[in-house]
Amino acid sequence: MSLATREYDAARYLDSEEAIAAYVADATESGDANELAHALGVVARAKGMSDLSRQTGLSRQTLYKALNGESNPELGTIAKVADALGYRLSLVAKTKTTSSEIIKSL
């Protein structure tokens, strides 16, 4: 008797906003754009790609392609998807530099 298995899909386990937030936070830690795109794709599948398509104005095909983690999606696409999923993109300095330190260095 063989054991039936299926491919792991994280989208099946993102069943709460807390789980989704933790998953997205983990994906952003690496700084890898493809990892972030893939994570947003997983969240999109968990929440419903059709709804996301309506909210962003992007076709499902475009979303699947952009969020597969292998393509190089445009920043505007990632921003639209993040916004529709309840997130916003932001840049954070790698080092803690105060504004007064920046002004002194000028």
PDB file of N, CA and C in Angstrom:
ATOM      1  N   MET A   1       0.845  -1.176   0.000  1.00  0.00           N
ATOM      2  CA  MET A   1       0.000   0.000   0.000  1.00  0.00           C
ATOM      3  C   MET A   1       0.890   1.240   0.000  1.00  0.00           C
ATOM      4  N   SER A   2       0.700   2.109  -0.955  1.00  0.00           N
ATOM      5  CA  SER A   2       1.522   3.310  -1.028  1.00  0.00           C
ATOM      6  C   SER A   2       0.822   4.466  -0.314  1.00  0.00           C
ATOM      7  N   LEU A   3       1.637   5.349   0.176  1.00  0.00           N
ATOM      8  CA  LEU A   3       1.138   6.511   0.895  1.00  0.00           C
ATOM      9  C   LEU A   3       0.906   7.644  -0.097  1.00  0.00           C
ATOM     10  N   ALA A   4      -0.293   8.164  -0.127  1.00  0.00           N
ATOM     11  CA  ALA A   4      -0.610   9.271  -1.021  1.00  0.00           C
ATOM     12  C   ALA A   4      -0.145  10.576  -0.381  1.00  0.00           C
ATOM     13  N   THR A   5       0.577  11.356  -1.139  1.00  0.00           N
ATOM     14  CA  THR A   5       1.049  12.645  -0.650  1.00  0.00           C
ATOM     15  C   THR A   5       0.677  13.737  -1.642  1.00  0.00           C
ATOM     16  N   ARG A   6       0.718  14.945  -1.178  1.00  0.00           N
ATOM     17  CA  ARG A   6       0.514  16.067  -2.085  1.00  0.00           C
ATOM     18  C   ARG A   6       1.511  17.161  -1.721  1.00  0.00           C
ATOM     19  N   GLU A   7       1.752  18.023  -2.693  1.00  0.00           N
ATOM     20  CA  GLU A   7       2.721  19.087  -2.512  1.00  0.00           C
ATOM     21  C   GLU A   7       2.271  20.032  -1.403  1.00  0.00           C
ATOM     22  N   TYR A   8       3.236  20.459  -0.585  1.00  0.00           N
ATOM     23  CA  TYR A   8       2.944  21.393   0.497  1.00  0.00           C
ATOM     24  C   TYR A   8       2.532  22.743  -0.076  1.00  0.00           C
ATOM     25  N   ASP A   9       1.479  23.311   0.437  1.00  0.00           N
ATOM     26  CA  ASP A   9       1.027  24.634   0.020  1.00  0.00           C
ATOM     27  C   ASP A   9       0.741  25.457   1.269  1.00  0.00           C
ATOM     28  N   ALA A  10       1.608  26.422   1.537  1.00  0.00           N
ATOM     29  CA  ALA A  10       1.468  27.243   2.741  1.00  0.00           C
ATOM     30  C   ALA A  10       0.140  27.983   2.786  1.00  0.00           C
ATOM     31  N   ALA A  11      -0.458  28.256   1.630  1.00  0.00           N
ATOM     32  CA  ALA A  11      -1.730  28.991   1.586  1.00  0.00           C
ATOM     33  C   ALA A  11      -2.818  28.279   2.385  1.00  0.00           C
ATOM     34  N   ARG A  12      -2.751  26.970   2.450  1.00  0.00           N
ATOM     35  CA  ARG A  12      -3.770  26.208   3.196  1.00  0.00           C
ATOM     36  C   ARG A  12      -3.691  26.461   4.696  1.00  0.00           C
ATOM     37  N   TYR A  13      -2.550  26.956   5.178  1.00  0.00           N
ATOM     38  CA  TYR A  13      -2.356  27.132   6.616  1.00  0.00           C
ATOM     39  C   TYR A  13      -2.433  28.595   7.057  1.00  0.00           C
ATOM     40  N   LEU A  14      -2.596  29.494   6.108  1.00  0.00           N
ATOM     41  CA  LEU A  14      -2.714  30.916   6.452  1.00  0.00           C
ATOM     42  C   LEU A  14      -4.184  31.247   6.669  1.00  0.00           C
ATOM     43  N   ASP A  15      -4.681  30.823   7.809  1.00  0.00           N
ATOM     44  CA  ASP A  15      -6.112  30.917   8.085  1.00  0.00           C
ATOM     45  C   ASP A  15      -6.482  32.005   9.092  1.00  0.00           C
ATOM     46  N   SER A  16      -5.518  32.852   9.423  1.00  0.00           N
ATOM     47  CA  SER A  16      -5.805  33.969  10.325  1.00  0.00           C
ATOM     48  C   SER A  16      -4.925  35.150   9.932  1.00  0.00           C
ATOM     49  N   GLU A  17      -5.354  36.347  10.316  1.00  0.00           N
ATOM     50  CA  GLU A  17      -4.561  37.544  10.013  1.00  0.00           C
ATOM     51  C   GLU A  17      -3.207  37.495  10.711  1.00  0.00           C
ATOM     52  N   GLU A  18      -3.157  36.877  11.899  1.00  0.00           N
ATOM     53  CA  GLU A  18      -1.896  36.761  12.627  1.00  0.00           C
ATOM     54  C   GLU A  18      -0.921  35.864  11.871  1.00  0.00           C
ATOM     55  N   ALA A  19      -1.409  34.748  11.357  1.00  0.00           N
ATOM     56  CA  ALA A  19      -0.555  33.832  10.595  1.00  0.00           C
ATOM     57  C   ALA A  19      -0.059  34.503   9.321  1.00  0.00           C
ATOM     58  N   ILE A  20      -0.934  35.243   8.669  1.00  0.00           N
ATOM     59  CA  ILE A  20      -0.555  35.945   7.439  1.00  0.00           C
ATOM     60  C   ILE A  20       0.494  37.006   7.746  1.00  0.00           C
ATOM     61  N   ALA A  21       0.288  37.784   8.799  1.00  0.00           N
ATOM     62  CA  ALA A  21       1.239  38.834   9.164  1.00  0.00           C
ATOM     63  C   ALA A  21       2.611  38.251   9.478  1.00  0.00           C
ATOM     64  N   ALA A  22       2.646  37.144  10.197  1.00  0.00           N
ATOM     65  CA  ALA A  22       3.917  36.495  10.522  1.00  0.00           C
ATOM     66  C   ALA A  22       4.603  35.979   9.265  1.00  0.00           C
ATOM     67  N   TYR A  23       3.828  35.424   8.356  1.00  0.00           N
ATOM     68  CA  TYR A  23       4.368  34.886   7.104  1.00  0.00           C
ATOM     69  C   TYR A  23       4.969  36.004   6.248  1.00  0.00           C
ATOM     70  N   VAL A  24       4.264  37.116   6.127  1.00  0.00           N
ATOM     71  CA  VAL A  24       4.759  38.252   5.343  1.00  0.00           C
ATOM     72  C   VAL A  24       5.994  38.857   6.011  1.00  0.00           C
ATOM     73  N   ALA A  25       5.967  39.005   7.326  1.00  0.00           N
ATOM     74  CA  ALA A  25       7.116  39.564   8.048  1.00  0.00           C
ATOM     75  C   ALA A  25       8.353  38.708   7.836  1.00  0.00           C
ATOM     76  N   ASP A  26       8.184  37.409   7.887  1.00  0.00           N
ATOM     77  CA  ASP A  26       9.308  36.497   7.675  1.00  0.00           C
ATOM     78  C   ASP A  26       9.873  36.652   6.262  1.00  0.00           C
ATOM     79  N   ALA A  27       9.002  36.800   5.294  1.00  0.00           N
ATOM     80  CA  ALA A  27       9.445  36.929   3.900  1.00  0.00           C
ATOM     81  C   ALA A  27      10.195  38.236   3.666  1.00  0.00           C
ATOM     82  N   THR A  28       9.837  39.287   4.382  1.00  0.00           N
ATOM     83  CA  THR A  28      10.503  40.572   4.176  1.00  0.00           C
ATOM     84  C   THR A  28      11.874  40.630   4.831  1.00  0.00           C
ATOM     85  N   GLU A  29      12.113  39.791   5.820  1.00  0.00           N
ATOM     86  CA  GLU A  29      13.380  39.810   6.540  1.00  0.00           C
ATOM     87  C   GLU A  29      14.579  39.538   5.639  1.00  0.00           C
ATOM     88  N   SER A  30      14.418  38.694   4.645  1.00  0.00           N
ATOM     89  CA  SER A  30      15.547  38.316   3.790  1.00  0.00           C
ATOM     90  C   SER A  30      15.970  39.444   2.859  1.00  0.00           C
ATOM     91  N   GLY A  31      15.043  40.344   2.542  1.00  0.00           N
ATOM     92  CA  GLY A  31      15.341  41.395   1.586  1.00  0.00           C
ATOM     93  C   GLY A  31      15.319  40.917   0.147  1.00  0.00           C
ATOM     94  N   ASP A  32      14.911  39.685  -0.070  1.00  0.00           N
ATOM     95  CA  ASP A  32      14.861  39.095  -1.413  1.00  0.00           C
ATOM     96  C   ASP A  32      13.514  39.416  -2.057  1.00  0.00           C
ATOM     97  N   ALA A  33      13.550  40.131  -3.175  1.00  0.00           N
ATOM     98  CA  ALA A  33      12.316  40.553  -3.844  1.00  0.00           C
ATOM     99  C   ALA A  33      11.499  39.368  -4.328  1.00  0.00           C
ATOM    100  N   ASN A  34      12.159  38.325  -4.817  1.00  0.00           N
ATOM    101  CA  ASN A  34      11.427  37.149  -5.294  1.00  0.00           C
ATOM    102  C   ASN A  34      10.733  36.425  -4.150  1.00  0.00           C
ATOM    103  N   GLU A  35      11.398  36.384  -2.997  1.00  0.00           N
ATOM    104  CA  GLU A  35      10.778  35.744  -1.831  1.00  0.00           C
ATOM    105  C   GLU A  35       9.547  36.530  -1.376  1.00  0.00           C
ATOM    106  N   LEU A  36       9.650  37.848  -1.402  1.00  0.00           N
ATOM    107  CA  LEU A  36       8.500  38.677  -1.036  1.00  0.00           C
ATOM    108  C   LEU A  36       7.361  38.486  -2.029  1.00  0.00           C
ATOM    109  N   ALA A  37       7.675  38.489  -3.317  1.00  0.00           N
ATOM    110  CA  ALA A  37       6.645  38.292  -4.345  1.00  0.00           C
ATOM    111  C   ALA A  37       5.966  36.942  -4.166  1.00  0.00           C
ATOM    112  N   HIS A  38       6.762  35.906  -3.905  1.00  0.00           N
ATOM    113  CA  HIS A  38       6.190  34.573  -3.697  1.00  0.00           C
ATOM    114  C   HIS A  38       5.280  34.567  -2.465  1.00  0.00           C
ATOM    115  N   ALA A  39       5.740  35.185  -1.381  1.00  0.00           N
ATOM    116  CA  ALA A  39       4.934  35.223  -0.151  1.00  0.00           C
ATOM    117  C   ALA A  39       3.619  35.958  -0.382  1.00  0.00           C
ATOM    118  N   LEU A  40       3.663  37.062  -1.112  1.00  0.00           N
ATOM    119  CA  LEU A  40       2.423  37.779  -1.423  1.00  0.00           C
ATOM    120  C   LEU A  40       1.507  36.914  -2.278  1.00  0.00           C
ATOM    121  N   GLY A  41       2.094  36.110  -3.157  1.00  0.00           N
ATOM    122  CA  GLY A  41       1.299  35.188  -3.967  1.00  0.00           C
ATOM    123  C   GLY A  41       0.623  34.123  -3.125  1.00  0.00           C
ATOM    124  N   VAL A  42       1.343  33.609  -2.140  1.00  0.00           N
ATOM    125  CA  VAL A  42       0.767  32.601  -1.241  1.00  0.00           C
ATOM    126  C   VAL A  42      -0.387  33.214  -0.450  1.00  0.00           C
ATOM    127  N   VAL A  43      -0.180  34.425   0.060  1.00  0.00           N
ATOM    128  CA  VAL A  43      -1.240  35.112   0.804  1.00  0.00           C
ATOM    129  C   VAL A  43      -2.431  35.384  -0.113  1.00  0.00           C
ATOM    130  N   ALA A  44      -2.148  35.781  -1.341  1.00  0.00           N
ATOM    131  CA  ALA A  44      -3.227  36.045  -2.305  1.00  0.00           C
ATOM    132  C   ALA A  44      -4.051  34.792  -2.560  1.00  0.00           C
ATOM    133  N   ARG A  45      -3.387  33.648  -2.684  1.00  0.00           N
ATOM    134  CA  ARG A  45      -4.125  32.393  -2.881  1.00  0.00           C
ATOM    135  C   ARG A  45      -4.941  32.051  -1.643  1.00  0.00           C
ATOM    136  N   ALA A  46      -4.390  32.322  -0.462  1.00  0.00           N
ATOM    137  CA  ALA A  46      -5.109  32.036   0.783  1.00  0.00           C
ATOM    138  C   ALA A  46      -6.361  32.896   0.902  1.00  0.00           C
ATOM    139  N   LYS A  47      -6.272  34.137   0.464  1.00  0.00           N
ATOM    140  CA  LYS A  47      -7.407  35.058   0.577  1.00  0.00           C
ATOM    141  C   LYS A  47      -8.335  35.011  -0.626  1.00  0.00           C
ATOM    142  N   GLY A  48      -7.842  34.528  -1.744  1.00  0.00           N
ATOM    143  CA  GLY A  48      -8.662  34.441  -2.949  1.00  0.00           C
ATOM    144  C   GLY A  48      -8.115  35.310  -4.065  1.00  0.00           C
ATOM    145  N   MET A  49      -7.564  34.670  -5.075  1.00  0.00           N
ATOM    146  CA  MET A  49      -6.943  35.396  -6.177  1.00  0.00           C
ATOM    147  C   MET A  49      -7.969  36.208  -6.972  1.00  0.00           C
ATOM    148  N   SER A  50      -9.199  35.722  -7.078  1.00  0.00           N
ATOM    149  CA  SER A  50     -10.230  36.463  -7.820  1.00  0.00           C
ATOM    150  C   SER A  50     -10.547  37.794  -7.152  1.00  0.00           C
ATOM    151  N   ASP A  51     -10.669  37.782  -5.826  1.00  0.00           N
ATOM    152  CA  ASP A  51     -10.921  39.027  -5.094  1.00  0.00           C
ATOM    153  C   ASP A  51      -9.764  40.001  -5.277  1.00  0.00           C
ATOM    154  N   LEU A  52      -8.549  39.484  -5.202  1.00  0.00           N
ATOM    155  CA  LEU A  52      -7.373  40.327  -5.372  1.00  0.00           C
ATOM    156  C   LEU A  52      -7.338  40.927  -6.775  1.00  0.00           C
ATOM    157  N   SER A  53      -7.719  40.136  -7.750  1.00  0.00           N
ATOM    158  CA  SER A  53      -7.767  40.612  -9.132  1.00  0.00           C
ATOM    159  C   SER A  53      -8.733  41.791  -9.260  1.00  0.00           C
ATOM    160  N   ARG A  54      -9.891  41.676  -8.644  1.00  0.00           N
ATOM    161  CA  ARG A  54     -10.876  42.766  -8.679  1.00  0.00           C
ATOM    162  C   ARG A  54     -10.342  44.017  -7.972  1.00  0.00           C
ATOM    163  N   GLN A  55      -9.708  43.820  -6.830  1.00  0.00           N
ATOM    164  CA  GLN A  55      -9.222  44.958  -6.046  1.00  0.00           C
ATOM    165  C   GLN A  55      -8.067  45.690  -6.722  1.00  0.00           C
ATOM    166  N   THR A  56      -7.207  44.955  -7.400  1.00  0.00           N
ATOM    167  CA  THR A  56      -6.027  45.572  -8.010  1.00  0.00           C
ATOM    168  C   THR A  56      -6.254  46.012  -9.448  1.00  0.00           C
ATOM    169  N   GLY A  57      -7.268  45.442 -10.091  1.00  0.00           N
ATOM    170  CA  GLY A  57      -7.482  45.721 -11.507  1.00  0.00           C
ATOM    171  C   GLY A  57      -6.537  44.948 -12.409  1.00  0.00           C
ATOM    172  N   LEU A  58      -5.832  43.980 -11.836  1.00  0.00           N
ATOM    173  CA  LEU A  58      -4.911  43.137 -12.600  1.00  0.00           C
ATOM    174  C   LEU A  58      -5.564  41.784 -12.847  1.00  0.00           C
ATOM    175  N   SER A  59      -5.305  41.199 -13.993  1.00  0.00           N
ATOM    176  CA  SER A  59      -5.899  39.898 -14.297  1.00  0.00           C
ATOM    177  C   SER A  59      -5.306  38.820 -13.392  1.00  0.00           C
ATOM    178  N   ARG A  60      -6.043  37.751 -13.210  1.00  0.00           N
ATOM    179  CA  ARG A  60      -5.548  36.628 -12.411  1.00  0.00           C
ATOM    180  C   ARG A  60      -4.263  36.090 -13.019  1.00  0.00           C
ATOM    181  N   GLN A  61      -4.216  36.010 -14.341  1.00  0.00           N
ATOM    182  CA  GLN A  61      -3.022  35.500 -15.021  1.00  0.00           C
ATOM    183  C   GLN A  61      -1.808  36.386 -14.710  1.00  0.00           C
ATOM    184  N   THR A  62      -2.000  37.688 -14.753  1.00  0.00           N
ATOM    185  CA  THR A  62      -0.916  38.619 -14.434  1.00  0.00           C
ATOM    186  C   THR A  62      -0.464  38.441 -12.999  1.00  0.00           C
ATOM    187  N   LEU A  63      -1.415  38.284 -12.086  1.00  0.00           N
ATOM    188  CA  LEU A  63      -1.077  38.096 -10.676  1.00  0.00           C
ATOM    189  C   LEU A  63      -0.313  36.802 -10.452  1.00  0.00           C
ATOM    190  N   TYR A  64      -0.793  35.700 -11.022  1.00  0.00           N
ATOM    191  CA  TYR A  64      -0.093  34.425 -10.855  1.00  0.00           C
ATOM    192  C   TYR A  64       1.332  34.521 -11.387  1.00  0.00           C
ATOM    193  N   LYS A  65       1.511  35.162 -12.532  1.00  0.00           N
ATOM    194  CA  LYS A  65       2.842  35.286 -13.123  1.00  0.00           C
ATOM    195  C   LYS A  65       3.739  36.174 -12.265  1.00  0.00           C
ATOM    196  N   ALA A  66       3.214  37.308 -11.816  1.00  0.00           N
ATOM    197  CA  ALA A  66       4.008  38.257 -11.037  1.00  0.00           C
ATOM    198  C   ALA A  66       4.373  37.730  -9.660  1.00  0.00           C
ATOM    199  N   LEU A  67       3.510  36.890  -9.095  1.00  0.00           N
ATOM    200  CA  LEU A  67       3.690  36.453  -7.705  1.00  0.00           C
ATOM    201  C   LEU A  67       4.162  35.013  -7.579  1.00  0.00           C
ATOM    202  N   ASN A  68       4.772  34.476  -8.624  1.00  0.00           N
ATOM    203  CA  ASN A  68       5.225  33.087  -8.552  1.00  0.00           C
ATOM    204  C   ASN A  68       6.599  32.939  -7.906  1.00  0.00           C
ATOM    205  N   GLY A  69       7.282  34.044  -7.639  1.00  0.00           N
ATOM    206  CA  GLY A  69       8.589  33.983  -7.003  1.00  0.00           C
ATOM    207  C   GLY A  69       9.719  33.728  -7.979  1.00  0.00           C
ATOM    208  N   GLU A  70       9.398  33.598  -9.247  1.00  0.00           N
ATOM    209  CA  GLU A  70      10.424  33.339 -10.252  1.00  0.00           C
ATOM    210  C   GLU A  70      10.536  34.467 -11.266  1.00  0.00           C
ATOM    211  N   SER A  71       9.517  35.285 -11.364  1.00  0.00           N
ATOM    212  CA  SER A  71       9.557  36.400 -12.309  1.00  0.00           C
ATOM    213  C   SER A  71      10.134  37.623 -11.601  1.00  0.00           C
ATOM    214  N   ASN A  72      10.194  38.709 -12.293  1.00  0.00           N
ATOM    215  CA  ASN A  72      10.697  39.951 -11.718  1.00  0.00           C
ATOM    216  C   ASN A  72       9.593  41.002 -11.818  1.00  0.00           C
ATOM    217  N   PRO A  73       8.627  40.967 -10.901  1.00  0.00           N
ATOM    218  CA  PRO A  73       7.475  41.872 -11.019  1.00  0.00           C
ATOM    219  C   PRO A  73       7.878  43.329 -10.825  1.00  0.00           C
ATOM    220  N   GLU A  74       7.114  44.210 -11.441  1.00  0.00           N
ATOM    221  CA  GLU A  74       7.352  45.640 -11.278  1.00  0.00           C
ATOM    222  C   GLU A  74       6.981  46.063  -9.859  1.00  0.00           C
ATOM    223  N   LEU A  75       7.673  47.075  -9.387  1.00  0.00           N
ATOM    224  CA  LEU A  75       7.406  47.587  -8.048  1.00  0.00           C
ATOM    225  C   LEU A  75       5.957  48.041  -7.918  1.00  0.00           C
ATOM    226  N   GLY A  76       5.421  48.640  -8.976  1.00  0.00           N
ATOM    227  CA  GLY A  76       4.028  49.086  -8.951  1.00  0.00           C
ATOM    228  C   GLY A  76       3.060  47.941  -8.740  1.00  0.00           C
ATOM    229  N   THR A  77       3.357  46.797  -9.336  1.00  0.00           N
ATOM    230  CA  THR A  77       2.506  45.612  -9.158  1.00  0.00           C
ATOM    231  C   THR A  77       2.557  45.137  -7.716  1.00  0.00           C
ATOM    232  N   ILE A  78       3.768  45.058  -7.169  1.00  0.00           N
ATOM    233  CA  ILE A  78       3.929  44.629  -5.776  1.00  0.00           C
ATOM    234  C   ILE A  78       3.211  45.605  -4.847  1.00  0.00           C
ATOM    235  N   ALA A  79       3.324  46.895  -5.115  1.00  0.00           N
ATOM    236  CA  ALA A  79       2.660  47.899  -4.276  1.00  0.00           C
ATOM    237  C   ALA A  79       1.146  47.756  -4.339  1.00  0.00           C
ATOM    238  N   LYS A  80       0.588  47.526  -5.526  1.00  0.00           N
ATOM    239  CA  LYS A  80      -0.866  47.335  -5.664  1.00  0.00           C
ATOM    240  C   LYS A  80      -1.331  46.112  -4.889  1.00  0.00           C
ATOM    241  N   VAL A  81      -0.585  45.022  -5.026  1.00  0.00           N
ATOM    242  CA  VAL A  81      -0.950  43.779  -4.338  1.00  0.00           C
ATOM    243  C   VAL A  81      -0.854  43.969  -2.832  1.00  0.00           C
ATOM    244  N   ALA A  82       0.246  44.551  -2.371  1.00  0.00           N
ATOM    245  CA  ALA A  82       0.417  44.777  -0.938  1.00  0.00           C
ATOM    246  C   ALA A  82      -0.722  45.633  -0.389  1.00  0.00           C
ATOM    247  N   ASP A  83      -1.072  46.691  -1.102  1.00  0.00           N
ATOM    248  CA  ASP A  83      -2.160  47.573  -0.668  1.00  0.00           C
ATOM    249  C   ASP A  83      -3.482  46.812  -0.584  1.00  0.00           C
ATOM    250  N   ALA A  84      -3.774  46.019  -1.594  1.00  0.00           N
ATOM    251  CA  ALA A  84      -5.025  45.253  -1.606  1.00  0.00           C
ATOM    252  C   ALA A  84      -5.068  44.225  -0.478  1.00  0.00           C
ATOM    253  N   LEU A  85      -3.894  43.752  -0.061  1.00  0.00           N
ATOM    254  CA  LEU A  85      -3.834  42.772   1.027  1.00  0.00           C
ATOM    255  C   LEU A  85      -3.743  43.436   2.400  1.00  0.00           C
ATOM    256  N   GLY A  86      -3.730  44.780   2.419  1.00  0.00           N
ATOM    257  CA  GLY A  86      -3.710  45.492   3.695  1.00  0.00           C
ATOM    258  C   GLY A  86      -2.327  45.870   4.180  1.00  0.00           C
ATOM    259  N   TYR A  87      -1.348  45.929   3.281  1.00  0.00           N
ATOM    260  CA  TYR A  87       0.022  46.290   3.634  1.00  0.00           C
ATOM    261  C   TYR A  87       0.455  47.487   2.805  1.00  0.00           C
ATOM    262  N   ARG A  88       1.523  48.138   3.236  1.00  0.00           N
ATOM    263  CA  ARG A  88       2.135  49.179   2.424  1.00  0.00           C
ATOM    264  C   ARG A  88       3.632  48.933   2.412  1.00  0.00           C
ATOM    265  N   LEU A  89       4.241  49.319   1.327  1.00  0.00           N
ATOM    266  CA  LEU A  89       5.681  49.168   1.203  1.00  0.00           C
ATOM    267  C   LEU A  89       6.366  50.350   1.870  1.00  0.00           C
ATOM    268  N   SER A  90       7.491  50.078   2.520  1.00  0.00           N
ATOM    269  CA  SER A  90       8.279  51.164   3.105  1.00  0.00           C
ATOM    270  C   SER A  90       9.744  50.755   3.094  1.00  0.00           C
ATOM    271  N   LEU A  91      10.601  51.753   3.071  1.00  0.00           N
ATOM    272  CA  LEU A  91      12.034  51.514   3.140  1.00  0.00           C
ATOM    273  C   LEU A  91      12.499  51.856   4.538  1.00  0.00           C
ATOM    274  N   VAL A  92      13.326  50.993   5.104  1.00  0.00           N
ATOM    275  CA  VAL A  92      13.833  51.185   6.445  1.00  0.00           C
ATOM    276  C   VAL A  92      15.355  51.156   6.373  1.00  0.00           C
ATOM    277  N   ALA A  93      15.997  52.124   6.999  1.00  0.00           N
ATOM    278  CA  ALA A  93      17.452  52.177   6.997  1.00  0.00           C
ATOM    279  C   ALA A  93      18.029  50.933   7.664  1.00  0.00           C
ATOM    280  N   LYS A  94      19.137  50.446   7.119  1.00  0.00           N
ATOM    281  CA  LYS A  94      19.794  49.274   7.695  1.00  0.00           C
ATOM    282  C   LYS A  94      20.441  49.605   9.034  1.00  0.00           C
ATOM    283  N   THR A  95      20.914  50.830   9.171  1.00  0.00           N
ATOM    284  CA  THR A  95      21.534  51.251  10.422  1.00  0.00           C
ATOM    285  C   THR A  95      20.675  52.325  11.056  1.00  0.00           C
ATOM    286  N   LYS A  96      20.816  52.437  12.331  1.00  0.00           N
ATOM    287  CA  LYS A  96      20.047  53.454  13.046  1.00  0.00           C
ATOM    288  C   LYS A  96      20.835  54.763  13.011  1.00  0.00           C
ATOM    289  N   THR A  97      20.429  55.655  12.132  1.00  0.00           N
ATOM    290  CA  THR A  97      21.046  56.966  12.001  1.00  0.00           C
ATOM    291  C   THR A  97      19.974  58.006  12.274  1.00  0.00           C
ATOM    292  N   THR A  98      20.283  58.910  13.184  1.00  0.00           N
ATOM    293  CA  THR A  98      19.305  59.947  13.500  1.00  0.00           C
ATOM    294  C   THR A  98      19.386  61.063  12.470  1.00  0.00           C
ATOM    295  N   SER A  99      18.344  61.840  12.379  1.00  0.00           N
ATOM    296  CA  SER A  99      18.332  62.947  11.416  1.00  0.00           C
ATOM    297  C   SER A  99      19.402  63.976  11.753  1.00  0.00           C
ATOM    298  N   SER A 100      19.705  64.187  13.034  1.00  0.00           N
ATOM    299  CA  SER A 100      20.750  65.154  13.395  1.00  0.00           C
ATOM    300  C   SER A 100      22.122  64.657  12.953  1.00  0.00           C
ATOM    301  N   GLU A 101      22.358  63.346  12.972  1.00  0.00           N
ATOM    302  CA  GLU A 101      23.625  62.791  12.485  1.00  0.00           C
ATOM    303  C   GLU A 101      23.753  62.974  10.981  1.00  0.00           C
ATOM    304  N   ILE A 102      22.653  62.845  10.277  1.00  0.00           N
ATOM    305  CA  ILE A 102      22.671  63.038   8.829  1.00  0.00           C
ATOM    306  C   ILE A 102      22.991  64.494   8.505  1.00  0.00           C
ATOM    307  N   ILE A 103      22.369  65.419   9.214  1.00  0.00           N
ATOM    308  CA  ILE A 103      22.592  66.845   8.971  1.00  0.00           C
ATOM    309  C   ILE A 103      24.041  67.212   9.281  1.00  0.00           C
ATOM    310  N   LYS A 104      24.609  66.693  10.371  1.00  0.00           N
ATOM    311  CA  LYS A 104      26.001  66.975  10.731  1.00  0.00           C
ATOM    312  C   LYS A 104      26.959  66.484   9.656  1.00  0.00           C
ATOM    313  N   SER A 105      26.634  65.364   9.026  1.00  0.00           N
ATOM    314  CA  SER A 105      27.536  64.803   8.015  1.00  0.00           C
ATOM    315  C   SER A 105      27.515  65.601   6.721  1.00  0.00           C
ATOM    316  N   LEU A 106      26.516  66.463   6.542  1.00  0.00           N
ATOM    317  CA  LEU A 106      26.437  67.292   5.334  1.00  0.00           C
ATOM    318  C   LEU A 106      27.333  68.471   5.511  1.00  0.00           C
TER     319      LEU A 106
END
